[in-house]
Amino acid sequence: MGLMDKAKAALDSDKGERATDTGIDKIEELASKKTGGGHDEQIRKAGEAVDKKLGTN
């Protein structure tokens, strides 16, 4: 199993999914604070797009 396969397997695990979801949530919160909450809908959509691209829920 190559390095990329191992990385994909780690992201697809429950632990990996929780970690990516937590990271995305933190980034969304930071972006919301930096923009004063004025772009929350766009930030949420971007977070969903990243989550989908990573293959997690």
N, C-alpha and C. Protein backbone atom coordinates (compact mmCIF):
# COMPACT_ATOMS: atom_id res chain seq x y z
N MET A 1 0.86 -1.18 0.00
CA MET A 1 0.00 0.00 0.00
C MET A 1 0.89 1.23 0.00
N GLY A 2 0.67 2.10 -0.98
CA GLY A 2 1.47 3.31 -1.10
C GLY A 2 1.05 4.38 -0.12
N LEU A 3 1.83 5.42 -0.04
CA LEU A 3 1.57 6.52 0.88
C LEU A 3 0.21 7.19 0.61
N MET A 4 -0.11 7.39 -0.65
CA MET A 4 -1.40 8.01 -1.00
C MET A 4 -2.56 7.12 -0.58
N ASP A 5 -2.42 5.82 -0.76
CA ASP A 5 -3.46 4.88 -0.34
C ASP A 5 -3.64 4.93 1.17
N LYS A 6 -2.54 5.01 1.89
CA LYS A 6 -2.62 5.09 3.36
C LYS A 6 -3.29 6.39 3.80
N ALA A 7 -2.96 7.48 3.14
CA ALA A 7 -3.57 8.77 3.48
C ALA A 7 -5.07 8.74 3.21
N LYS A 8 -5.47 8.18 2.08
CA LYS A 8 -6.90 8.09 1.73
C LYS A 8 -7.62 7.21 2.74
N ALA A 9 -7.02 6.10 3.14
CA ALA A 9 -7.63 5.20 4.12
C ALA A 9 -7.79 5.91 5.46
N ALA A 10 -6.80 6.71 5.84
CA ALA A 10 -6.89 7.44 7.11
C ALA A 10 -8.02 8.46 7.07
N LEU A 11 -8.16 9.17 5.95
CA LEU A 11 -9.24 10.15 5.83
C LEU A 11 -10.60 9.48 5.81
N ASP A 12 -10.69 8.29 5.26
CA ASP A 12 -11.96 7.58 5.16
C ASP A 12 -12.38 6.92 6.46
N SER A 13 -11.49 6.85 7.44
CA SER A 13 -11.84 6.22 8.72
C SER A 13 -12.73 7.18 9.53
N ASP A 14 -13.39 6.64 10.53
CA ASP A 14 -14.23 7.47 11.40
C ASP A 14 -13.39 8.55 12.08
N LYS A 15 -12.21 8.17 12.55
CA LYS A 15 -11.34 9.13 13.21
C LYS A 15 -10.91 10.23 12.24
N GLY A 16 -10.58 9.85 11.03
CA GLY A 16 -10.18 10.82 10.01
C GLY A 16 -11.32 11.75 9.65
N GLU A 17 -12.51 11.20 9.55
CA GLU A 17 -13.68 12.03 9.23
C GLU A 17 -13.93 13.05 10.33
N ARG A 18 -13.84 12.62 11.58
CA ARG A 18 -14.04 13.55 12.70
C ARG A 18 -12.98 14.65 12.68
N ALA A 19 -11.75 14.28 12.38
CA ALA A 19 -10.66 15.25 12.35
C ALA A 19 -10.87 16.28 11.24
N THR A 20 -11.25 15.83 10.05
CA THR A 20 -11.46 16.78 8.96
C THR A 20 -12.68 17.65 9.22
N ASP A 21 -13.73 17.08 9.77
CA ASP A 21 -14.92 17.87 10.09
C ASP A 21 -14.59 18.94 11.13
N THR A 22 -13.81 18.58 12.14
CA THR A 22 -13.41 19.54 13.17
C THR A 22 -12.58 20.66 12.56
N GLY A 23 -11.64 20.29 11.70
CA GLY A 23 -10.80 21.30 11.04
C GLY A 23 -11.60 22.24 10.18
N ILE A 24 -12.52 21.70 9.41
CA ILE A 24 -13.36 22.54 8.55
C ILE A 24 -14.21 23.47 9.40
N ASP A 25 -14.78 22.96 10.48
CA ASP A 25 -15.59 23.81 11.37
C ASP A 25 -14.77 24.96 11.95
N LYS A 26 -13.55 24.67 12.37
CA LYS A 26 -12.69 25.72 12.95
C LYS A 26 -12.35 26.78 11.91
N ILE A 27 -12.08 26.35 10.69
CA ILE A 27 -11.77 27.31 9.63
C ILE A 27 -12.99 28.16 9.30
N GLU A 28 -14.17 27.53 9.27
CA GLU A 28 -15.39 28.29 9.01
C GLU A 28 -15.62 29.33 10.10
N GLU A 29 -15.41 28.97 11.35
CA GLU A 29 -15.58 29.91 12.46
C GLU A 29 -14.60 31.08 12.35
N LEU A 30 -13.34 30.77 12.04
CA LEU A 30 -12.34 31.82 11.90
C LEU A 30 -12.69 32.77 10.75
N ALA A 31 -13.09 32.20 9.63
CA ALA A 31 -13.47 33.03 8.48
C ALA A 31 -14.67 33.90 8.81
N SER A 32 -15.63 33.36 9.54
CA SER A 32 -16.81 34.13 9.93
C SER A 32 -16.41 35.30 10.83
N LYS A 33 -15.53 35.04 11.78
CA LYS A 33 -15.08 36.11 12.67
C LYS A 33 -14.34 37.18 11.90
N LYS A 34 -13.48 36.76 10.97
CA LYS A 34 -12.68 37.72 10.21
C LYS A 34 -13.53 38.57 9.27
N THR A 35 -14.67 38.05 8.84
CA THR A 35 -15.54 38.80 7.93
C THR A 35 -16.71 39.44 8.65
N GLY A 36 -16.73 39.32 9.96
CA GLY A 36 -17.82 39.92 10.74
C GLY A 36 -19.16 39.25 10.51
N GLY A 37 -19.15 38.01 10.07
CA GLY A 37 -20.38 37.26 9.85
C GLY A 37 -21.12 37.64 8.58
N GLY A 38 -20.50 38.50 7.79
CA GLY A 38 -21.17 39.00 6.58
C GLY A 38 -21.19 38.03 5.42
N HIS A 39 -20.43 36.96 5.51
CA HIS A 39 -20.34 36.02 4.40
C HIS A 39 -20.55 34.58 4.86
N ASP A 40 -21.33 34.40 5.90
CA ASP A 40 -21.50 33.08 6.49
C ASP A 40 -22.07 32.05 5.52
N GLU A 41 -22.98 32.44 4.66
CA GLU A 41 -23.56 31.49 3.71
C GLU A 41 -22.49 30.99 2.73
N GLN A 42 -21.68 31.90 2.22
CA GLN A 42 -20.62 31.51 1.29
C GLN A 42 -19.57 30.66 2.00
N ILE A 43 -19.25 30.99 3.23
CA ILE A 43 -18.28 30.23 4.02
C ILE A 43 -18.81 28.82 4.25
N ARG A 44 -20.09 28.70 4.59
CA ARG A 44 -20.68 27.38 4.81
C ARG A 44 -20.64 26.54 3.54
N LYS A 45 -20.97 27.17 2.41
CA LYS A 45 -20.94 26.44 1.13
C LYS A 45 -19.52 25.99 0.79
N ALA A 46 -18.55 26.83 1.06
CA ALA A 46 -17.16 26.46 0.79
C ALA A 46 -16.75 25.29 1.68
N GLY A 47 -17.16 25.31 2.94
CA GLY A 47 -16.86 24.21 3.85
C GLY A 47 -17.49 22.91 3.39
N GLU A 48 -18.72 22.98 2.90
CA GLU A 48 -19.38 21.78 2.37
C GLU A 48 -18.66 21.25 1.13
N ALA A 49 -18.18 22.16 0.28
CA ALA A 49 -17.46 21.74 -0.93
C ALA A 49 -16.16 21.03 -0.57
N VAL A 50 -15.45 21.57 0.41
CA VAL A 50 -14.20 20.92 0.86
C VAL A 50 -14.51 19.56 1.44
N ASP A 51 -15.53 19.48 2.28
CA ASP A 51 -15.90 18.21 2.91
C ASP A 51 -16.26 17.18 1.83
N LYS A 52 -17.00 17.61 0.82
CA LYS A 52 -17.38 16.70 -0.26
C LYS A 52 -16.15 16.25 -1.04
N LYS A 53 -15.23 17.16 -1.30
CA LYS A 53 -14.02 16.84 -2.05
C LYS A 53 -13.15 15.82 -1.29
N LEU A 54 -13.14 15.94 0.02
CA LEU A 54 -12.37 15.00 0.84
C LEU A 54 -13.05 13.65 0.93
N GLY A 55 -14.33 13.60 0.55
CA GLY A 55 -15.04 12.32 0.56
C GLY A 55 -15.58 11.95 1.92
N THR A 56 -15.77 12.95 2.78
CA THR A 56 -16.33 12.69 4.10
C THR A 56 -17.69 13.33 4.21
N ASN A 57 -18.40 13.02 5.25
CA ASN A 57 -19.75 13.59 5.46
C ASN A 57 -19.74 14.62 6.53
